[in-house]
Amino acid sequence: MKLALGTVQFGLNYGVSNKLGQPSIAKAHAILDIAKDAGITTLDTALGYGESHQVLASYPSINDRFNIVTKLPPLQKEQFSNQDADNYIALIEQCFSDFKTQKLNAILFHQASDIEKQGVAPVLACLKQRQLENQLASKGVSLYSGAEVDSFTQLSEINLVQIPYNAFDTYFKDTGALSLLSKNNTQVHARFLFFTRLVINAHQ
């Protein structure tokens, strides 16, 4: 098992137990130093995480020291219009621009249903082209419990997923989704892995 560092709090005042608010850039850099020294090489972020991209990009040699996994914002519509597709392609370009790099580890859809929506094809084609040009290692989705992975018609387009998984939430194992993702050679990143400890602390 390898650990990754989530960075939503770098860009937002986030977290049910967060009493100090968004950390300063200096504190964020100190956290990244600790993560690097501990052998953590992957950072999870998103365009929707406030200033997270900008804080991460301000860390010296961020692209040489960490693999960046970021996410596109959810589309709050039933389908992509041509303008929506163009906007999302621009957001993909922004991800590379924000980090001043020509290579990212992964770009995901923050809302898995977006890959199924009519009109998404140009966005998927843009991500695929980045992969073919070795500028993007993976593309995929962030999943939530209740997602019916076996119903995704675009499963072949996914090679990385983020899922909630811990002692209290084994949905993806129980439904056979993990086995299906494994057969599809899809890399799995687990969120909320240490939720057990959080729940225990909440009841003390």
Protein backbone atom coordinates (compact mmCIF):
# COMPACT_ATOMS: atom_id res chain seq x y z
CA MET A 1 0.00 0.00 0.00
CA LYS A 2 1.21 3.49 -0.87
CA LEU A 3 -0.07 6.67 0.75
CA ALA A 4 -1.04 9.86 -1.08
CA LEU A 5 -1.64 13.30 0.39
CA GLY A 6 -5.01 15.01 -0.09
CA THR A 7 -4.68 18.77 -0.50
CA VAL A 8 -8.21 20.18 -0.35
CA GLN A 9 -7.34 22.00 2.87
CA PHE A 10 -4.48 23.79 1.09
CA GLY A 11 -7.08 25.68 -0.90
CA LEU A 12 -10.17 25.82 1.31
CA ASN A 13 -11.23 26.12 4.94
CA TYR A 14 -12.15 22.44 4.93
CA GLY A 15 -12.68 19.63 7.41
CA VAL A 16 -15.14 18.86 10.21
CA SER A 17 -12.31 18.89 12.79
CA ASN A 18 -10.39 21.76 11.22
CA LYS A 19 -10.25 24.54 13.82
CA LEU A 20 -7.35 26.50 12.30
CA GLY A 21 -8.70 27.11 8.81
CA GLN A 22 -6.74 27.06 5.57
CA PRO A 23 -2.99 26.80 6.28
CA SER A 24 -0.59 29.48 5.13
CA ILE A 25 1.57 28.80 2.10
CA ALA A 26 4.55 28.37 4.44
CA LYS A 27 2.69 25.72 6.47
CA ALA A 28 1.51 24.00 3.31
CA HIS A 29 5.09 23.85 2.08
CA ALA A 30 6.18 22.44 5.44
CA ILE A 31 3.54 19.70 5.15
CA LEU A 32 4.79 18.88 1.66
CA ASP A 33 8.36 18.68 3.00
CA ILE A 34 7.22 16.17 5.63
CA ALA A 35 5.28 14.17 3.04
CA LYS A 36 8.28 14.06 0.71
CA ASP A 37 10.60 12.97 3.52
CA ALA A 38 8.10 10.24 4.47
CA GLY A 39 8.18 8.84 0.94
CA ILE A 40 4.78 10.11 -0.21
CA THR A 41 4.96 10.79 -3.94
CA THR A 42 1.33 11.39 -4.97
CA LEU A 43 -0.80 14.47 -4.30
CA ASP A 44 -4.58 14.57 -4.76
CA THR A 45 -6.10 17.90 -5.71
CA ALA A 46 -8.88 19.39 -7.86
CA LEU A 47 -9.84 22.53 -9.71
CA GLY A 48 -12.69 22.82 -7.21
CA TYR A 49 -10.35 22.93 -4.21
CA GLY A 50 -10.07 26.70 -4.10
CA GLU A 51 -6.44 27.84 -4.25
CA SER A 52 -4.99 24.32 -3.96
CA HIS A 53 -3.48 24.31 -7.47
CA GLN A 54 -1.81 27.65 -6.87
CA VAL A 55 -0.44 26.69 -3.44
CA LEU A 56 0.96 23.42 -4.78
CA ALA A 57 2.46 25.11 -7.83
CA SER A 58 4.30 27.53 -5.55
CA TYR A 59 6.24 24.65 -3.96
CA PRO A 60 9.75 24.43 -5.47
CA SER A 61 10.08 21.76 -8.19
CA ILE A 62 6.63 20.36 -7.38
CA ASN A 63 6.44 18.39 -10.64
CA ASP A 64 9.80 16.73 -10.05
CA ARG A 65 9.01 15.76 -6.47
CA PHE A 66 5.37 14.63 -6.67
CA ASN A 67 2.86 13.01 -9.00
CA ILE A 68 -0.18 15.26 -9.39
CA VAL A 69 -3.70 13.80 -9.55
CA THR A 70 -6.32 16.48 -10.15
CA LYS A 71 -10.01 16.56 -10.98
CA LEU A 72 -12.35 18.47 -13.27
CA PRO A 73 -15.42 20.14 -11.72
CA PRO A 74 -18.80 18.39 -12.01
CA LEU A 75 -21.04 19.39 -14.91
CA GLN A 76 -24.35 20.54 -13.45
CA LYS A 77 -26.27 19.62 -16.60
CA GLU A 78 -27.68 16.45 -18.10
CA GLN A 79 -25.42 16.65 -21.16
CA PHE A 80 -22.44 18.53 -22.58
CA SER A 81 -23.20 21.23 -25.11
CA ASN A 82 -20.48 22.08 -27.64
CA GLN A 83 -19.63 25.09 -25.48
CA ASP A 84 -19.45 22.93 -22.35
CA ALA A 85 -17.05 20.53 -24.09
CA ASP A 86 -14.88 23.45 -25.19
CA ASN A 87 -14.91 24.80 -21.63
CA TYR A 88 -13.81 21.45 -20.19
CA ILE A 89 -11.03 21.14 -22.75
CA ALA A 90 -9.91 24.59 -21.63
CA LEU A 91 -9.98 23.35 -18.00
CA ILE A 92 -7.75 20.43 -18.98
CA GLU A 93 -5.32 22.90 -20.49
CA GLN A 94 -5.56 24.97 -17.31
CA CYS A 95 -4.48 22.00 -15.20
CA PHE A 96 -1.21 21.82 -17.12
CA SER A 97 -0.85 25.58 -17.13
CA ASP A 98 -1.44 25.89 -13.37
CA PHE A 99 1.46 23.54 -12.68
CA LYS A 100 3.61 24.95 -15.50
CA THR A 101 4.20 21.47 -16.84
CA GLN A 102 3.64 19.34 -19.91
CA LYS A 103 3.07 16.17 -17.88
CA LEU A 104 0.60 15.26 -15.14
CA ASN A 105 -0.07 11.93 -13.48
CA ALA A 106 -3.86 11.97 -13.78
CA ILE A 107 -6.93 14.04 -14.53
CA LEU A 108 -10.24 12.68 -13.28
CA PHE A 109 -13.90 13.56 -13.62
CA HIS A 110 -14.99 14.64 -10.13
CA GLN A 111 -18.46 13.28 -10.96
CA ALA A 112 -18.38 9.84 -12.52
CA SER A 113 -21.71 10.28 -14.32
CA ASP A 114 -20.10 12.97 -16.48
CA ILE A 115 -18.26 10.36 -18.55
CA GLU A 116 -21.62 8.88 -19.54
CA LYS A 117 -23.23 12.13 -20.64
CA GLN A 118 -24.05 12.94 -24.23
CA GLY A 119 -21.53 15.33 -25.75
CA VAL A 120 -18.58 14.28 -23.54
CA ALA A 121 -16.70 12.64 -26.46
CA PRO A 122 -14.49 15.68 -27.29
CA VAL A 123 -13.40 15.92 -23.65
CA LEU A 124 -12.49 12.24 -23.52
CA ALA A 125 -10.68 12.60 -26.85
CA CYS A 126 -8.62 15.49 -25.45
CA LEU A 127 -7.59 13.42 -22.42
CA LYS A 128 -6.80 10.42 -24.62
CA GLN A 129 -4.64 12.56 -26.90
CA ARG A 130 -2.70 13.79 -23.87
CA GLN A 131 -2.12 10.17 -22.93
CA LEU A 132 -0.95 9.26 -26.43
CA GLU A 133 1.52 12.15 -26.27
CA ASN A 134 2.79 10.86 -22.90
CA GLN A 135 1.64 14.04 -21.18
CA LEU A 136 -0.93 12.26 -19.01
CA ALA A 137 -0.43 8.89 -17.36
CA SER A 138 -4.05 8.25 -16.38
CA LYS A 139 -7.60 9.49 -16.81
CA GLY A 140 -10.57 8.37 -14.78
CA VAL A 141 -13.27 9.23 -12.28
CA SER A 142 -13.98 9.80 -8.62
CA LEU A 143 -16.58 7.25 -7.51
CA TYR A 144 -18.92 7.23 -4.52
CA SER A 145 -20.66 4.35 -2.77
CA GLY A 146 -23.70 3.31 -4.76
CA ALA A 147 -22.01 3.68 -8.14
CA GLU A 148 -22.81 0.74 -10.42
CA VAL A 149 -19.41 0.27 -12.03
CA ASP A 150 -20.55 -2.62 -14.21
CA SER A 151 -23.06 -0.31 -15.93
CA PHE A 152 -20.44 2.16 -17.20
CA THR A 153 -20.40 2.06 -20.98
CA GLN A 154 -17.20 4.13 -20.82
CA LEU A 155 -15.36 1.69 -18.53
CA SER A 156 -12.70 1.16 -21.20
CA GLU A 157 -11.91 4.89 -20.99
CA ILE A 158 -11.04 4.63 -17.29
CA ASN A 159 -7.62 3.59 -16.00
CA LEU A 160 -7.79 5.20 -12.54
CA VAL A 161 -10.60 5.56 -10.03
CA GLN A 162 -10.86 7.10 -6.58
CA ILE A 163 -13.24 5.31 -4.21
CA PRO A 164 -14.22 5.54 -0.54
CA TYR A 165 -12.99 2.44 1.25
CA ASN A 166 -12.57 1.63 4.93
CA ALA A 167 -13.82 -0.72 7.64
CA PHE A 168 -17.29 0.87 7.50
CA ASP A 169 -17.56 1.22 3.73
CA THR A 170 -16.71 -1.91 1.75
CA TYR A 171 -19.31 -1.29 -0.96
CA PHE A 172 -16.92 -1.66 -3.89
CA LYS A 173 -15.57 -4.96 -2.58
CA ASP A 174 -18.98 -6.35 -1.64
CA THR A 175 -20.52 -5.58 -5.03
CA GLY A 176 -17.63 -7.09 -6.98
CA ALA A 177 -16.67 -3.71 -8.41
CA LEU A 178 -13.07 -4.04 -7.22
CA SER A 179 -12.74 -7.33 -9.10
CA LEU A 180 -14.22 -5.76 -12.22
CA LEU A 181 -11.83 -2.81 -12.00
CA SER A 182 -8.92 -5.20 -11.54
CA LYS A 183 -9.91 -7.15 -14.66
CA ASN A 184 -10.02 -3.82 -16.49
CA ASN A 185 -6.47 -3.05 -15.24
CA THR A 186 -7.83 0.05 -13.53
CA GLN A 187 -5.69 1.61 -10.81
CA VAL A 188 -7.63 2.21 -7.56
CA HIS A 189 -6.98 5.05 -5.09
CA ALA A 190 -8.87 4.71 -1.78
CA ARG A 191 -10.27 7.74 0.05
CA PHE A 192 -11.23 7.88 3.76
CA LEU A 193 -9.09 4.83 4.44
CA PHE A 194 -8.54 5.83 8.07
CA PHE A 195 -12.18 6.75 8.71
CA THR A 196 -12.28 4.13 11.48
CA ARG A 197 -10.05 6.23 13.68
CA LEU A 198 -12.07 9.36 12.98
CA VAL A 199 -15.28 7.65 14.09
CA ILE A 200 -13.68 6.28 17.25
CA ASN A 201 -12.37 9.73 18.16
CA ALA A 202 -15.78 11.27 17.52
CA HIS A 203 -17.30 9.01 20.20
CA GLN A 204 -14.70 9.58 22.89
